[in-house]
Each structure stands twice: as structure tokens, then as C-alpha cells.
Amino acid sequence: MTNRRTLERIDTLVWVLIFGGLLTLVLGIASHDETAVGGWSLSVLGALATIAGIVLIFVRSRLHETPEAGAESKP
């Protein structure tokens, strides 16, 4: 269904979304005292990015790699 390069890109995107989202979430929580609107905005944005990364883990688990042409052994 999908080639190896696409699966590697999805794997990279998953980790970027999860760790970037968690970092943004923590920055939002830390900045709640300085600016309430900015803190909440960062917190929500970070939570959404983290959730998107988690959803992509499930999407990635459903994708299967297509073998390359000529990769099968011939009898």
C-alpha cells in the first residue's frame, strides 16, 4: 500500500508532533501567570498537536509496506 519512505516520514511526523506538542503544552502552562490568553492558547495548541501525534500512531499501525518490485524470491 505505501512505500518505505512514506512510512518513515509518518514516523518522523509522529515524534515531532508528540514532543513538540508536549513542549508547547508545558510552555503554555508555565506562561499562564504572565498572560492568561497566551498561556491558554499555547496549552490548547500543544494538547492538539500531541493528540494529533497519538492519532497518527494508530494510522501508522494500520499501514503496511508494499514490497519493492523484484523483492520477491523466484523459485
PDB file of N, CA and C in Angstrom:
ATOM      1  N   MET A   1       0.806  -1.196   0.000  1.00  0.00           N
ATOM      2  CA  MET A   1       0.000   0.000   0.000  1.00  0.00           C
ATOM      3  C   MET A   1       0.851   1.263   0.000  1.00  0.00           C
ATOM      4  N   THR A   2       1.772   1.344   0.915  1.00  0.00           N
ATOM      5  CA  THR A   2       2.618   2.526   0.994  1.00  0.00           C
ATOM      6  C   THR A   2       4.072   2.106   0.908  1.00  0.00           C
ATOM      7  N   ASN A   3       4.887   3.042   0.454  1.00  0.00           N
ATOM      8  CA  ASN A   3       6.303   2.701   0.352  1.00  0.00           C
ATOM      9  C   ASN A   3       7.034   3.050   1.645  1.00  0.00           C
ATOM     10  N   ARG A   4       8.271   2.623   1.725  1.00  0.00           N
ATOM     11  CA  ARG A   4       9.076   2.766   2.943  1.00  0.00           C
ATOM     12  C   ARG A   4       9.310   4.235   3.297  1.00  0.00           C
ATOM     13  N   ARG A   5       9.518   5.064   2.298  1.00  0.00           N
ATOM     14  CA  ARG A   5       9.798   6.483   2.538  1.00  0.00           C
ATOM     15  C   ARG A   5       8.611   7.182   3.187  1.00  0.00           C
ATOM     16  N   THR A   6       7.413   6.876   2.730  1.00  0.00           N
ATOM     17  CA  THR A   6       6.212   7.468   3.317  1.00  0.00           C
ATOM     18  C   THR A   6       6.056   7.059   4.776  1.00  0.00           C
ATOM     19  N   LEU A   7       6.317   5.801   5.068  1.00  0.00           N
ATOM     20  CA  LEU A   7       6.215   5.324   6.443  1.00  0.00           C
ATOM     21  C   LEU A   7       7.250   6.002   7.342  1.00  0.00           C
ATOM     22  N   GLU A   8       8.457   6.218   6.827  1.00  0.00           N
ATOM     23  CA  GLU A   8       9.479   6.912   7.607  1.00  0.00           C
ATOM     24  C   GLU A   8       9.089   8.364   7.883  1.00  0.00           C
ATOM     25  N   ARG A   9       8.474   9.003   6.903  1.00  0.00           N
ATOM     26  CA  ARG A   9       8.015  10.384   7.104  1.00  0.00           C
ATOM     27  C   ARG A   9       6.914  10.455   8.159  1.00  0.00           C
ATOM     28  N   ILE A  10       6.013   9.501   8.127  1.00  0.00           N
ATOM     29  CA  ILE A  10       4.950   9.468   9.136  1.00  0.00           C
ATOM     30  C   ILE A  10       5.539   9.240  10.519  1.00  0.00           C
ATOM     31  N   ASP A  11       6.517   8.342  10.621  1.00  0.00           N
ATOM     32  CA  ASP A  11       7.172   8.102  11.907  1.00  0.00           C
ATOM     33  C   ASP A  11       7.818   9.372  12.442  1.00  0.00           C
ATOM     34  N   THR A  12       8.509  10.095  11.582  1.00  0.00           N
ATOM     35  CA  THR A  12       9.149  11.350  11.992  1.00  0.00           C
ATOM     36  C   THR A  12       8.110  12.371  12.422  1.00  0.00           C
ATOM     37  N   LEU A  13       7.036  12.486  11.652  1.00  0.00           N
ATOM     38  CA  LEU A  13       5.983  13.443  11.980  1.00  0.00           C
ATOM     39  C   LEU A  13       5.320  13.119  13.315  1.00  0.00           C
ATOM     40  N   VAL A  14       5.145  11.843  13.594  1.00  0.00           N
ATOM     41  CA  VAL A  14       4.550  11.424  14.868  1.00  0.00           C
ATOM     42  C   VAL A  14       5.364  11.952  16.036  1.00  0.00           C
ATOM     43  N   TRP A  15       6.666  11.728  16.010  1.00  0.00           N
ATOM     44  CA  TRP A  15       7.501  12.141  17.136  1.00  0.00           C
ATOM     45  C   TRP A  15       7.633  13.652  17.228  1.00  0.00           C
ATOM     46  N   VAL A  16       7.682  14.332  16.098  1.00  0.00           N
ATOM     47  CA  VAL A  16       7.733  15.797  16.127  1.00  0.00           C
ATOM     48  C   VAL A  16       6.458  16.361  16.741  1.00  0.00           C
ATOM     49  N   LEU A  17       5.318  15.819  16.350  1.00  0.00           N
ATOM     50  CA  LEU A  17       4.051  16.294  16.904  1.00  0.00           C
ATOM     51  C   LEU A  17       3.940  16.006  18.398  1.00  0.00           C
ATOM     52  N   ILE A  18       4.331  14.826  18.812  1.00  0.00           N
ATOM     53  CA  ILE A  18       4.199  14.473  20.227  1.00  0.00           C
ATOM     54  C   ILE A  18       5.136  15.311  21.092  1.00  0.00           C
ATOM     55  N   PHE A  19       6.412  15.320  20.763  1.00  0.00           N
ATOM     56  CA  PHE A  19       7.353  16.054  21.614  1.00  0.00           C
ATOM     57  C   PHE A  19       7.195  17.570  21.476  1.00  0.00           C
ATOM     58  N   GLY A  20       6.938  18.045  20.267  1.00  0.00           N
ATOM     59  CA  GLY A  20       6.689  19.476  20.085  1.00  0.00           C
ATOM     60  C   GLY A  20       5.416  19.914  20.792  1.00  0.00           C
ATOM     61  N   GLY A  21       4.394  19.080  20.740  1.00  0.00           N
ATOM     62  CA  GLY A  21       3.139  19.390  21.424  1.00  0.00           C
ATOM     63  C   GLY A  21       3.299  19.416  22.930  1.00  0.00           C
ATOM     64  N   LEU A  22       4.044  18.456  23.461  1.00  0.00           N
ATOM     65  CA  LEU A  22       4.268  18.440  24.908  1.00  0.00           C
ATOM     66  C   LEU A  22       5.093  19.642  25.359  1.00  0.00           C
ATOM     67  N   LEU A  23       6.100  20.017  24.571  1.00  0.00           N
ATOM     68  CA  LEU A  23       6.898  21.198  24.900  1.00  0.00           C
ATOM     69  C   LEU A  23       6.036  22.458  24.877  1.00  0.00           C
ATOM     70  N   THR A  24       5.194  22.588  23.872  1.00  0.00           N
ATOM     71  CA  THR A  24       4.305  23.742  23.775  1.00  0.00           C
ATOM     72  C   THR A  24       3.302  23.754  24.916  1.00  0.00           C
ATOM     73  N   LEU A  25       2.811  22.599  25.289  1.00  0.00           N
ATOM     74  CA  LEU A  25       1.882  22.490  26.407  1.00  0.00           C
ATOM     75  C   LEU A  25       2.532  22.960  27.703  1.00  0.00           C
ATOM     76  N   VAL A  26       3.751  22.522  27.946  1.00  0.00           N
ATOM     77  CA  VAL A  26       4.463  22.925  29.158  1.00  0.00           C
ATOM     78  C   VAL A  26       4.750  24.426  29.149  1.00  0.00           C
ATOM     79  N   LEU A  27       5.141  24.968  28.000  1.00  0.00           N
ATOM     80  CA  LEU A  27       5.371  26.407  27.912  1.00  0.00           C
ATOM     81  C   LEU A  27       4.082  27.193  28.156  1.00  0.00           C
ATOM     82  N   GLY A  28       2.978  26.672  27.667  1.00  0.00           N
ATOM     83  CA  GLY A  28       1.697  27.328  27.903  1.00  0.00           C
ATOM     84  C   GLY A  28       1.315  27.321  29.375  1.00  0.00           C
ATOM     85  N   ILE A  29       1.526  26.196  30.032  1.00  0.00           N
ATOM     86  CA  ILE A  29       1.223  26.101  31.465  1.00  0.00           C
ATOM     87  C   ILE A  29       2.120  27.048  32.256  1.00  0.00           C
ATOM     88  N   ALA A  30       3.397  27.123  31.868  1.00  0.00           N
ATOM     89  CA  ALA A  30       4.337  27.989  32.578  1.00  0.00           C
ATOM     90  C   ALA A  30       4.028  29.462  32.372  1.00  0.00           C
ATOM     91  N   SER A  31       3.407  29.828  31.269  1.00  0.00           N
ATOM     92  CA  SER A  31       3.151  31.240  30.988  1.00  0.00           C
ATOM     93  C   SER A  31       1.744  31.694  31.377  1.00  0.00           C
ATOM     94  N   HIS A  32       0.982  30.847  32.057  1.00  0.00           N
ATOM     95  CA  HIS A  32      -0.372  31.241  32.477  1.00  0.00           C
ATOM     96  C   HIS A  32      -0.355  32.453  33.401  1.00  0.00           C
ATOM     97  N   ASP A  33       0.664  32.588  34.241  1.00  0.00           N
ATOM     98  CA  ASP A  33       0.695  33.706  35.179  1.00  0.00           C
ATOM     99  C   ASP A  33       0.992  35.035  34.478  1.00  0.00           C
ATOM    100  N   GLU A  34       1.800  34.998  33.432  1.00  0.00           N
ATOM    101  CA  GLU A  34       2.173  36.225  32.726  1.00  0.00           C
ATOM    102  C   GLU A  34       1.054  36.725  31.821  1.00  0.00           C
ATOM    103  N   THR A  35       0.521  35.849  31.007  1.00  0.00           N
ATOM    104  CA  THR A  35      -0.549  36.215  30.093  1.00  0.00           C
ATOM    105  C   THR A  35      -1.535  35.051  30.005  1.00  0.00           C
ATOM    106  N   ALA A  36      -2.724  35.293  30.454  1.00  0.00           N
ATOM    107  CA  ALA A  36      -3.715  34.215  30.521  1.00  0.00           C
ATOM    108  C   ALA A  36      -4.113  33.714  29.141  1.00  0.00           C
ATOM    109  N   VAL A  37      -4.372  34.630  28.216  1.00  0.00           N
ATOM    110  CA  VAL A  37      -4.810  34.232  26.882  1.00  0.00           C
ATOM    111  C   VAL A  37      -3.683  33.499  26.148  1.00  0.00           C
ATOM    112  N   GLY A  38      -2.473  34.012  26.247  1.00  0.00           N
ATOM    113  CA  GLY A  38      -1.339  33.364  25.599  1.00  0.00           C
ATOM    114  C   GLY A  38      -1.055  31.991  26.184  1.00  0.00           C
ATOM    115  N   GLY A  39      -1.160  31.882  27.493  1.00  0.00           N
ATOM    116  CA  GLY A  39      -0.933  30.597  28.146  1.00  0.00           C
ATOM    117  C   GLY A  39      -1.951  29.559  27.740  1.00  0.00           C
ATOM    118  N   TRP A  40      -3.207  29.967  27.717  1.00  0.00           N
ATOM    119  CA  TRP A  40      -4.247  29.021  27.308  1.00  0.00           C
ATOM    120  C   TRP A  40      -4.105  28.648  25.840  1.00  0.00           C
ATOM    121  N   SER A  41      -3.755  29.622  25.019  1.00  0.00           N
ATOM    122  CA  SER A  41      -3.585  29.339  23.587  1.00  0.00           C
ATOM    123  C   SER A  41      -2.466  28.328  23.359  1.00  0.00           C
ATOM    124  N   LEU A  42      -1.331  28.543  24.027  1.00  0.00           N
ATOM    125  CA  LEU A  42      -0.230  27.595  23.889  1.00  0.00           C
ATOM    126  C   LEU A  42      -0.600  26.215  24.439  1.00  0.00           C
ATOM    127  N   SER A  43      -1.320  26.198  25.533  1.00  0.00           N
ATOM    128  CA  SER A  43      -1.718  24.918  26.129  1.00  0.00           C
ATOM    129  C   SER A  43      -2.638  24.134  25.196  1.00  0.00           C
ATOM    130  N   VAL A  44      -3.609  24.807  24.632  1.00  0.00           N
ATOM    131  CA  VAL A  44      -4.553  24.135  23.723  1.00  0.00           C
ATOM    132  C   VAL A  44      -3.837  23.685  22.456  1.00  0.00           C
ATOM    133  N   LEU A  45      -2.981  24.539  21.906  1.00  0.00           N
ATOM    134  CA  LEU A  45      -2.246  24.183  20.701  1.00  0.00           C
ATOM    135  C   LEU A  45      -1.327  22.983  20.956  1.00  0.00           C
ATOM    136  N   GLY A  46      -0.661  22.972  22.083  1.00  0.00           N
ATOM    137  CA  GLY A  46       0.201  21.852  22.428  1.00  0.00           C
ATOM    138  C   GLY A  46      -0.574  20.569  22.634  1.00  0.00           C
ATOM    139  N   ALA A  47      -1.725  20.672  23.289  1.00  0.00           N
ATOM    140  CA  ALA A  47      -2.551  19.477  23.507  1.00  0.00           C
ATOM    141  C   ALA A  47      -3.065  18.922  22.177  1.00  0.00           C
ATOM    142  N   LEU A  48      -3.474  19.795  21.269  1.00  0.00           N
ATOM    143  CA  LEU A  48      -3.958  19.340  19.963  1.00  0.00           C
ATOM    144  C   LEU A  48      -2.855  18.682  19.145  1.00  0.00           C
ATOM    145  N   ALA A  49      -1.648  19.241  19.199  1.00  0.00           N
ATOM    146  CA  ALA A  49      -0.533  18.639  18.467  1.00  0.00           C
ATOM    147  C   ALA A  49      -0.194  17.264  19.042  1.00  0.00           C
ATOM    148  N   THR A  50      -0.221  17.147  20.353  1.00  0.00           N
ATOM    149  CA  THR A  50       0.064  15.853  20.988  1.00  0.00           C
ATOM    150  C   THR A  50      -0.998  14.825  20.620  1.00  0.00           C
ATOM    151  N   ILE A  51      -2.244  15.218  20.637  1.00  0.00           N
ATOM    152  CA  ILE A  51      -3.330  14.312  20.260  1.00  0.00           C
ATOM    153  C   ILE A  51      -3.200  13.902  18.791  1.00  0.00           C
ATOM    154  N   ALA A  52      -2.824  14.840  17.925  1.00  0.00           N
ATOM    155  CA  ALA A  52      -2.633  14.508  16.510  1.00  0.00           C
ATOM    156  C   ALA A  52      -1.511  13.486  16.345  1.00  0.00           C
ATOM    157  N   GLY A  53      -0.451  13.612  17.123  1.00  0.00           N
ATOM    158  CA  GLY A  53       0.631  12.634  17.070  1.00  0.00           C
ATOM    159  C   GLY A  53       0.184  11.264  17.517  1.00  0.00           C
ATOM    160  N   ILE A  54      -0.629  11.220  18.556  1.00  0.00           N
ATOM    161  CA  ILE A  54      -1.134   9.940  19.048  1.00  0.00           C
ATOM    162  C   ILE A  54      -2.061   9.286  18.022  1.00  0.00           C
ATOM    163  N   VAL A  55      -2.895  10.087  17.377  1.00  0.00           N
ATOM    164  CA  VAL A  55      -3.778   9.550  16.334  1.00  0.00           C
ATOM    165  C   VAL A  55      -2.952   9.004  15.173  1.00  0.00           C
ATOM    166  N   LEU A  56      -1.863   9.706  14.825  1.00  0.00           N
ATOM    167  CA  LEU A  56      -1.017   9.226  13.741  1.00  0.00           C
ATOM    168  C   LEU A  56      -0.337   7.901  14.074  1.00  0.00           C
ATOM    169  N   ILE A  57      -0.121   7.627  15.345  1.00  0.00           N
ATOM    170  CA  ILE A  57       0.427   6.324  15.727  1.00  0.00           C
ATOM    171  C   ILE A  57      -0.546   5.217  15.323  1.00  0.00           C
ATOM    172  N   PHE A  58      -1.825   5.431  15.550  1.00  0.00           N
ATOM    173  CA  PHE A  58      -2.824   4.434  15.162  1.00  0.00           C
ATOM    174  C   PHE A  58      -2.950   4.333  13.645  1.00  0.00           C
ATOM    175  N   VAL A  59      -2.871   5.470  12.956  1.00  0.00           N
ATOM    176  CA  VAL A  59      -2.923   5.446  11.492  1.00  0.00           C
ATOM    177  C   VAL A  59      -1.722   4.678  10.948  1.00  0.00           C
ATOM    178  N   ARG A  60      -0.558   4.929  11.506  1.00  0.00           N
ATOM    179  CA  ARG A  60       0.669   4.266  11.054  1.00  0.00           C
ATOM    180  C   ARG A  60       0.606   2.756  11.300  1.00  0.00           C
ATOM    181  N   SER A  61      -0.020   2.363  12.389  1.00  0.00           N
ATOM    182  CA  SER A  61      -0.106   0.934  12.680  1.00  0.00           C
ATOM    183  C   SER A  61      -0.999   0.198  11.686  1.00  0.00           C
ATOM    184  N   ARG A  62      -1.884   0.903  11.012  1.00  0.00           N
ATOM    185  CA  ARG A  62      -2.776   0.278  10.030  1.00  0.00           C
ATOM    186  C   ARG A  62      -2.172   0.210   8.640  1.00  0.00           C
ATOM    187  N   LEU A  63      -1.090   0.958   8.394  1.00  0.00           N
ATOM    188  CA  LEU A  63      -0.472   0.969   7.073  1.00  0.00           C
ATOM    189  C   LEU A  63       0.543  -0.162   6.968  1.00  0.00           C
ATOM    190  N   HIS A  64       0.601  -0.763   5.799  1.00  0.00           N
ATOM    191  CA  HIS A  64       1.537  -1.855   5.552  1.00  0.00           C
ATOM    192  C   HIS A  64       2.457  -1.458   4.409  1.00  0.00           C
ATOM    193  N   GLU A  65       3.688  -1.890   4.513  1.00  0.00           N
ATOM    194  CA  GLU A  65       4.670  -1.558   3.489  1.00  0.00           C
ATOM    195  C   GLU A  65       4.477  -2.439   2.270  1.00  0.00           C
ATOM    196  N   THR A  66       4.526  -1.818   1.101  1.00  0.00           N
ATOM    197  CA  THR A  66       4.445  -2.547  -0.150  1.00  0.00           C
ATOM    198  C   THR A  66       5.839  -3.026  -0.515  1.00  0.00           C
ATOM    199  N   PRO A  67       5.993  -4.300  -0.801  1.00  0.00           N
ATOM    200  CA  PRO A  67       7.325  -4.775  -1.192  1.00  0.00           C
ATOM    201  C   PRO A  67       7.756  -4.139  -2.512  1.00  0.00           C
ATOM    202  N   GLU A  68       9.054  -3.881  -2.627  1.00  0.00           N
ATOM    203  CA  GLU A  68       9.581  -3.288  -3.845  1.00  0.00           C
ATOM    204  C   GLU A  68       9.499  -4.283  -5.000  1.00  0.00           C
ATOM    205  N   ALA A  69       9.479  -3.754  -6.201  1.00  0.00           N
ATOM    206  CA  ALA A  69       9.416  -4.630  -7.382  1.00  0.00           C
ATOM    207  C   ALA A  69      10.695  -5.465  -7.455  1.00  0.00           C
ATOM    208  N   GLY A  70      10.540  -6.743  -7.640  1.00  0.00           N
ATOM    209  CA  GLY A  70      11.679  -7.634  -7.722  1.00  0.00           C
ATOM    210  C   GLY A  70      12.194  -8.098  -6.376  1.00  0.00           C
ATOM    211  N   ALA A  71      11.506  -7.725  -5.301  1.00  0.00           N
ATOM    212  CA  ALA A  71      11.962  -8.109  -3.966  1.00  0.00           C
ATOM    213  C   ALA A  71      11.581  -9.545  -3.623  1.00  0.00           C
ATOM    214  N   GLU A  72      10.610 -10.072  -4.307  1.00  0.00           N
ATOM    215  CA  GLU A  72      10.182 -11.434  -4.025  1.00  0.00           C
ATOM    216  C   GLU A  72      11.170 -12.433  -4.608  1.00  0.00           C
ATOM    217  N   SER A  73      11.379 -13.500  -3.890  1.00  0.00           N
ATOM    218  CA  SER A  73      12.298 -14.515  -4.405  1.00  0.00           C
ATOM    219  C   SER A  73      11.580 -15.382  -5.432  1.00  0.00           C
ATOM    220  N   LYS A  74      12.295 -15.704  -6.469  1.00  0.00           N
ATOM    221  CA  LYS A  74      11.711 -16.532  -7.528  1.00  0.00           C
ATOM    222  C   LYS A  74      12.131 -17.982  -7.329  1.00  0.00           C
ATOM    223  N   PRO A  75      11.213 -18.923  -7.567  1.00  0.00           N
ATOM    224  CA  PRO A  75      11.542 -20.347  -7.338  1.00  0.00           C
ATOM    225  C   PRO A  75      12.501 -20.895  -8.351  1.00  0.00           C
TER     226      PRO A  75
END
